[in-house]
Amino acid sequence: MTLKLANVTFDCADPLGQARFWSEALGLPIKDDANEYFAALDGGPTGPTWLFLQVPEGKTAKNRMHIDLESDDMAGEVQRLVGLGARRVAEKNEYGMTWTVLDDPEGNEFCVSGPHPAG
């Protein structure tokens, strides 16, 4: 048996708003069947689909799992994401890595780092 990552799924209040943010952040198109209850980004032939599902309850605690993004221009990407609606939460420098913790428009944490060392 083999597992494949099919979806990265976000529970949210505004699926279209979240899809727009992450579409701009990742450069992925929003699928045509988006509506007020459900939206998805097309991850292409090798990437997962990014799903945004409307739920009645809001976020109440820190994410136990989050997205880590890597960039050759960490500072530039963080600034771009803040311009799209992300909120800078913290700057970290631990374990030989530097990264910025951000919240998306609905408060889901994610991180942006510089290039990861080969290994």
N, C-alpha and C. Protein backbone atom coordinates (compact mmCIF):
# COMPACT_ATOMS: atom_id res chain seq x y z
N MET A 1 0.84 -1.18 0.00
CA MET A 1 0.00 0.00 0.00
C MET A 1 0.89 1.25 0.00
N THR A 2 0.49 2.26 -0.78
CA THR A 2 1.24 3.50 -0.87
C THR A 2 0.31 4.67 -0.59
N LEU A 3 0.76 5.59 0.24
CA LEU A 3 -0.01 6.80 0.51
C LEU A 3 0.53 7.95 -0.32
N LYS A 4 -0.35 8.83 -0.73
CA LYS A 4 0.02 10.04 -1.47
C LYS A 4 -0.73 11.19 -0.83
N LEU A 5 -0.07 12.31 -0.61
CA LEU A 5 -0.73 13.49 -0.09
C LEU A 5 -1.67 14.03 -1.16
N ALA A 6 -2.97 14.01 -0.89
CA ALA A 6 -3.96 14.44 -1.87
C ALA A 6 -4.39 15.89 -1.66
N ASN A 7 -4.60 16.29 -0.39
CA ASN A 7 -5.12 17.62 -0.09
C ASN A 7 -4.44 18.22 1.12
N VAL A 8 -4.30 19.53 1.12
CA VAL A 8 -4.01 20.31 2.31
C VAL A 8 -5.31 21.05 2.57
N THR A 9 -5.96 20.79 3.72
CA THR A 9 -7.32 21.27 3.96
C THR A 9 -7.35 22.26 5.11
N PHE A 10 -8.04 23.37 4.89
CA PHE A 10 -8.24 24.41 5.91
C PHE A 10 -9.72 24.50 6.22
N ASP A 11 -10.09 24.41 7.49
CA ASP A 11 -11.42 24.80 7.93
C ASP A 11 -11.39 26.32 8.07
N CYS A 12 -12.46 27.00 7.62
CA CYS A 12 -12.42 28.46 7.64
C CYS A 12 -13.83 29.04 7.58
N ALA A 13 -13.93 30.33 7.84
CA ALA A 13 -15.20 31.04 7.74
C ALA A 13 -15.47 31.50 6.32
N ASP A 14 -14.42 31.87 5.59
CA ASP A 14 -14.54 32.45 4.25
C ASP A 14 -13.69 31.67 3.25
N PRO A 15 -14.20 30.58 2.69
CA PRO A 15 -13.41 29.77 1.77
C PRO A 15 -12.86 30.54 0.57
N LEU A 16 -13.66 31.40 -0.03
CA LEU A 16 -13.18 32.16 -1.19
C LEU A 16 -12.08 33.14 -0.80
N GLY A 17 -12.23 33.79 0.34
CA GLY A 17 -11.19 34.71 0.81
C GLY A 17 -9.89 33.99 1.09
N GLN A 18 -9.98 32.85 1.77
CA GLN A 18 -8.78 32.06 2.04
C GLN A 18 -8.16 31.56 0.74
N ALA A 19 -8.99 31.09 -0.19
CA ALA A 19 -8.47 30.60 -1.48
C ALA A 19 -7.76 31.72 -2.23
N ARG A 20 -8.32 32.92 -2.20
CA ARG A 20 -7.67 34.05 -2.89
C ARG A 20 -6.31 34.34 -2.27
N PHE A 21 -6.23 34.38 -0.93
CA PHE A 21 -4.95 34.64 -0.26
C PHE A 21 -3.92 33.59 -0.66
N TRP A 22 -4.26 32.31 -0.50
CA TRP A 22 -3.29 31.24 -0.77
C TRP A 22 -3.00 31.11 -2.26
N SER A 23 -3.95 31.44 -3.12
CA SER A 23 -3.70 31.43 -4.56
C SER A 23 -2.62 32.45 -4.92
N GLU A 24 -2.74 33.66 -4.37
CA GLU A 24 -1.73 34.69 -4.60
C GLU A 24 -0.40 34.31 -3.95
N ALA A 25 -0.47 33.75 -2.75
CA ALA A 25 0.76 33.39 -2.03
C ALA A 25 1.55 32.32 -2.78
N LEU A 26 0.85 31.32 -3.30
CA LEU A 26 1.51 30.15 -3.89
C LEU A 26 1.54 30.16 -5.42
N GLY A 27 0.82 31.09 -6.04
CA GLY A 27 0.77 31.11 -7.50
C GLY A 27 0.00 29.95 -8.09
N LEU A 28 -1.01 29.47 -7.36
CA LEU A 28 -1.85 28.35 -7.82
C LEU A 28 -3.23 28.87 -8.19
N PRO A 29 -3.83 28.37 -9.27
CA PRO A 29 -5.15 28.85 -9.67
C PRO A 29 -6.27 28.28 -8.80
N ILE A 30 -7.31 29.08 -8.62
CA ILE A 30 -8.52 28.62 -7.92
C ILE A 30 -9.35 27.81 -8.91
N LYS A 31 -9.80 26.64 -8.48
CA LYS A 31 -10.63 25.80 -9.35
C LYS A 31 -11.99 26.47 -9.60
N ASP A 32 -12.58 26.16 -10.74
CA ASP A 32 -13.81 26.81 -11.20
C ASP A 32 -15.03 26.54 -10.33
N ASP A 33 -15.04 25.47 -9.56
CA ASP A 33 -16.24 25.12 -8.79
C ASP A 33 -16.31 25.79 -7.42
N ALA A 34 -15.51 26.82 -7.17
CA ALA A 34 -15.50 27.51 -5.89
C ALA A 34 -16.84 28.18 -5.62
N ASN A 35 -17.23 28.18 -4.35
CA ASN A 35 -18.45 28.87 -3.93
C ASN A 35 -18.29 29.33 -2.49
N GLU A 36 -19.36 29.81 -1.86
CA GLU A 36 -19.22 30.34 -0.50
C GLU A 36 -18.94 29.27 0.55
N TYR A 37 -19.11 28.00 0.21
CA TYR A 37 -18.92 26.91 1.17
C TYR A 37 -17.63 26.11 0.95
N PHE A 38 -17.07 26.20 -0.25
CA PHE A 38 -15.96 25.34 -0.64
C PHE A 38 -15.15 26.04 -1.73
N ALA A 39 -13.84 25.98 -1.61
CA ALA A 39 -12.97 26.47 -2.68
C ALA A 39 -11.72 25.60 -2.67
N ALA A 40 -11.08 25.49 -3.82
CA ALA A 40 -9.88 24.65 -3.93
C ALA A 40 -8.89 25.29 -4.89
N LEU A 41 -7.62 25.06 -4.61
CA LEU A 41 -6.54 25.47 -5.50
C LEU A 41 -6.01 24.24 -6.21
N ASP A 42 -5.76 24.37 -7.49
CA ASP A 42 -5.23 23.28 -8.30
C ASP A 42 -3.73 23.19 -8.06
N GLY A 43 -3.28 22.11 -7.42
CA GLY A 43 -1.87 21.90 -7.14
C GLY A 43 -1.09 21.34 -8.32
N GLY A 44 -1.76 21.13 -9.45
CA GLY A 44 -1.07 20.61 -10.63
C GLY A 44 -0.87 19.12 -10.55
N PRO A 45 -0.12 18.58 -11.50
CA PRO A 45 0.03 17.12 -11.59
C PRO A 45 0.84 16.50 -10.44
N THR A 46 1.70 17.29 -9.79
CA THR A 46 2.53 16.71 -8.73
C THR A 46 2.21 17.22 -7.34
N GLY A 47 1.49 18.31 -7.24
CA GLY A 47 1.21 18.89 -5.93
C GLY A 47 -0.15 18.50 -5.40
N PRO A 48 -0.38 18.67 -4.11
CA PRO A 48 -1.70 18.40 -3.56
C PRO A 48 -2.67 19.51 -3.94
N THR A 49 -3.96 19.20 -3.86
CA THR A 49 -5.01 20.21 -3.95
C THR A 49 -5.08 20.91 -2.60
N TRP A 50 -5.28 22.22 -2.60
CA TRP A 50 -5.46 22.99 -1.38
C TRP A 50 -6.95 23.26 -1.23
N LEU A 51 -7.57 22.72 -0.18
CA LEU A 51 -9.02 22.83 0.04
C LEU A 51 -9.32 23.82 1.16
N PHE A 52 -10.39 24.57 0.98
CA PHE A 52 -10.87 25.54 1.97
C PHE A 52 -12.35 25.27 2.17
N LEU A 53 -12.70 24.79 3.37
CA LEU A 53 -14.06 24.36 3.67
C LEU A 53 -14.67 25.25 4.74
N GLN A 54 -15.88 25.73 4.51
CA GLN A 54 -16.55 26.57 5.49
C GLN A 54 -17.00 25.72 6.68
N VAL A 55 -16.69 26.18 7.88
CA VAL A 55 -17.15 25.54 9.12
C VAL A 55 -17.71 26.63 10.03
N PRO A 56 -18.61 26.28 10.93
CA PRO A 56 -19.25 27.31 11.76
C PRO A 56 -18.37 27.83 12.90
N GLU A 57 -17.44 27.02 13.38
CA GLU A 57 -16.63 27.42 14.53
C GLU A 57 -15.33 28.08 14.06
N GLY A 58 -14.83 29.01 14.87
CA GLY A 58 -13.58 29.67 14.58
C GLY A 58 -12.40 28.92 15.17
N LYS A 59 -11.21 29.36 14.82
CA LYS A 59 -9.98 28.78 15.35
C LYS A 59 -9.86 29.16 16.82
N THR A 60 -9.48 28.20 17.68
CA THR A 60 -9.43 28.47 19.11
C THR A 60 -8.06 28.24 19.74
N ALA A 61 -7.13 27.61 19.04
CA ALA A 61 -5.82 27.29 19.64
C ALA A 61 -4.75 27.29 18.56
N LYS A 62 -3.52 27.17 18.99
CA LYS A 62 -2.38 27.09 18.07
C LYS A 62 -2.51 25.85 17.18
N ASN A 63 -2.14 26.02 15.92
CA ASN A 63 -2.13 24.87 15.01
C ASN A 63 -1.20 23.79 15.54
N ARG A 64 -1.60 22.55 15.47
CA ARG A 64 -0.72 21.44 15.81
C ARG A 64 0.10 21.03 14.60
N MET A 65 -0.34 21.38 13.42
CA MET A 65 0.39 21.14 12.18
C MET A 65 0.32 22.44 11.39
N HIS A 66 1.41 22.77 10.69
CA HIS A 66 1.39 23.99 9.91
C HIS A 66 2.21 23.83 8.64
N ILE A 67 2.10 24.81 7.77
CA ILE A 67 2.80 24.82 6.49
C ILE A 67 4.14 25.53 6.68
N ASP A 68 5.22 24.95 6.16
CA ASP A 68 6.53 25.59 6.10
C ASP A 68 6.85 25.87 4.64
N LEU A 69 7.12 27.13 4.33
CA LEU A 69 7.48 27.54 2.98
C LEU A 69 8.94 27.98 2.98
N GLU A 70 9.63 27.74 1.89
CA GLU A 70 11.06 28.05 1.76
C GLU A 70 11.23 29.02 0.59
N SER A 71 12.12 30.00 0.75
CA SER A 71 12.34 30.99 -0.30
C SER A 71 13.81 31.41 -0.35
N ASP A 72 14.27 31.71 -1.56
CA ASP A 72 15.61 32.30 -1.71
C ASP A 72 15.62 33.74 -1.24
N ASP A 73 14.45 34.37 -1.13
CA ASP A 73 14.32 35.76 -0.69
C ASP A 73 13.31 35.81 0.45
N MET A 74 13.71 35.33 1.61
CA MET A 74 12.81 35.23 2.74
C MET A 74 12.19 36.58 3.09
N ALA A 75 13.00 37.61 3.24
CA ALA A 75 12.49 38.93 3.63
C ALA A 75 11.51 39.46 2.60
N GLY A 76 11.83 39.31 1.33
CA GLY A 76 10.94 39.78 0.27
C GLY A 76 9.62 39.03 0.25
N GLU A 77 9.67 37.71 0.44
CA GLU A 77 8.44 36.90 0.46
C GLU A 77 7.59 37.23 1.68
N VAL A 78 8.21 37.41 2.83
CA VAL A 78 7.45 37.77 4.03
C VAL A 78 6.74 39.10 3.79
N GLN A 79 7.44 40.07 3.24
CA GLN A 79 6.83 41.37 2.96
C GLN A 79 5.67 41.23 1.97
N ARG A 80 5.85 40.42 0.92
CA ARG A 80 4.80 40.20 -0.07
C ARG A 80 3.57 39.56 0.58
N LEU A 81 3.78 38.55 1.43
CA LEU A 81 2.68 37.87 2.10
C LEU A 81 1.94 38.80 3.06
N VAL A 82 2.67 39.64 3.76
CA VAL A 82 2.03 40.64 4.63
C VAL A 82 1.17 41.58 3.78
N GLY A 83 1.67 41.96 2.62
CA GLY A 83 0.90 42.79 1.71
C GLY A 83 -0.37 42.13 1.21
N LEU A 84 -0.37 40.79 1.16
CA LEU A 84 -1.56 40.04 0.74
C LEU A 84 -2.56 39.84 1.87
N GLY A 85 -2.16 40.14 3.11
CA GLY A 85 -3.07 40.00 4.23
C GLY A 85 -2.58 39.14 5.37
N ALA A 86 -1.37 38.59 5.26
CA ALA A 86 -0.80 37.82 6.37
C ALA A 86 -0.38 38.78 7.48
N ARG A 87 -0.23 38.24 8.69
CA ARG A 87 0.24 39.02 9.83
C ARG A 87 1.50 38.38 10.38
N ARG A 88 2.54 39.19 10.53
CA ARG A 88 3.81 38.71 11.09
C ARG A 88 3.61 38.44 12.58
N VAL A 89 4.00 37.22 13.04
CA VAL A 89 3.81 36.82 14.42
C VAL A 89 5.14 36.82 15.17
N ALA A 90 6.19 36.24 14.58
CA ALA A 90 7.47 36.12 15.29
C ALA A 90 8.59 35.86 14.30
N GLU A 91 9.79 36.21 14.72
CA GLU A 91 11.02 35.88 14.01
C GLU A 91 11.74 34.84 14.86
N LYS A 92 12.18 33.76 14.24
CA LYS A 92 12.84 32.68 14.98
C LYS A 92 14.22 32.40 14.38
N ASN A 93 15.14 32.02 15.24
CA ASN A 93 16.47 31.60 14.82
C ASN A 93 16.89 30.49 15.77
N GLU A 94 16.63 29.27 15.36
CA GLU A 94 16.91 28.09 16.19
C GLU A 94 17.40 26.96 15.30
N TYR A 95 18.16 26.08 15.88
CA TYR A 95 18.59 24.85 15.21
C TYR A 95 19.33 25.13 13.90
N GLY A 96 20.01 26.29 13.82
CA GLY A 96 20.74 26.63 12.61
C GLY A 96 19.87 27.17 11.48
N MET A 97 18.61 27.45 11.76
CA MET A 97 17.67 27.96 10.75
C MET A 97 17.06 29.28 11.23
N THR A 98 16.73 30.12 10.29
CA THR A 98 16.01 31.36 10.57
C THR A 98 14.69 31.31 9.81
N TRP A 99 13.60 31.69 10.47
CA TRP A 99 12.31 31.71 9.80
C TRP A 99 11.41 32.75 10.45
N THR A 100 10.36 33.11 9.71
CA THR A 100 9.34 34.03 10.19
C THR A 100 8.03 33.25 10.32
N VAL A 101 7.37 33.41 11.46
CA VAL A 101 6.06 32.83 11.69
C VAL A 101 5.03 33.89 11.31
N LEU A 102 4.05 33.50 10.49
CA LEU A 102 2.99 34.39 10.08
C LEU A 102 1.64 33.74 10.34
N ASP A 103 0.58 34.55 10.36
CA ASP A 103 -0.80 34.08 10.36
C ASP A 103 -1.41 34.43 9.01
N ASP A 104 -2.20 33.52 8.44
CA ASP A 104 -2.95 33.86 7.24
C ASP A 104 -4.14 34.73 7.67
N PRO A 105 -4.98 35.20 6.76
CA PRO A 105 -6.07 36.11 7.15
C PRO A 105 -7.04 35.56 8.19
N GLU A 106 -7.12 34.25 8.38
CA GLU A 106 -8.00 33.69 9.41
C GLU A 106 -7.23 33.17 10.62
N GLY A 107 -5.94 33.50 10.71
CA GLY A 107 -5.17 33.17 11.91
C GLY A 107 -4.48 31.83 11.90
N ASN A 108 -4.41 31.15 10.75
CA ASN A 108 -3.68 29.87 10.67
C ASN A 108 -2.18 30.17 10.53
N GLU A 109 -1.38 29.59 11.44
CA GLU A 109 0.05 29.84 11.42
C GLU A 109 0.72 29.11 10.26
N PHE A 110 1.73 29.79 9.69
CA PHE A 110 2.62 29.16 8.71
C PHE A 110 3.96 29.86 8.83
N CYS A 111 5.00 29.22 8.30
CA CYS A 111 6.36 29.74 8.42
C CYS A 111 6.99 29.94 7.05
N VAL A 112 7.85 30.95 6.97
CA VAL A 112 8.66 31.17 5.77
C VAL A 112 10.12 31.20 6.22
N SER A 113 10.94 30.37 5.57
CA SER A 113 12.37 30.33 5.88
C SER A 113 13.17 30.66 4.65
N GLY A 114 14.47 30.83 4.87
CA GLY A 114 15.39 30.91 3.76
C GLY A 114 15.64 29.50 3.25
N PRO A 115 16.54 29.36 2.29
CA PRO A 115 16.83 28.02 1.75
C PRO A 115 17.28 27.05 2.84
N HIS A 116 16.80 25.84 2.78
CA HIS A 116 17.22 24.80 3.71
C HIS A 116 18.56 24.23 3.27
N PRO A 117 19.41 23.91 4.22
CA PRO A 117 20.70 23.32 3.85
C PRO A 117 20.50 21.94 3.20
N ALA A 118 21.34 21.64 2.24
CA ALA A 118 21.27 20.32 1.58
C ALA A 118 21.61 19.25 2.59
N GLY A 119 20.97 18.14 2.45
CA GLY A 119 21.31 17.08 3.38
C GLY A 119 20.27 16.14 3.47
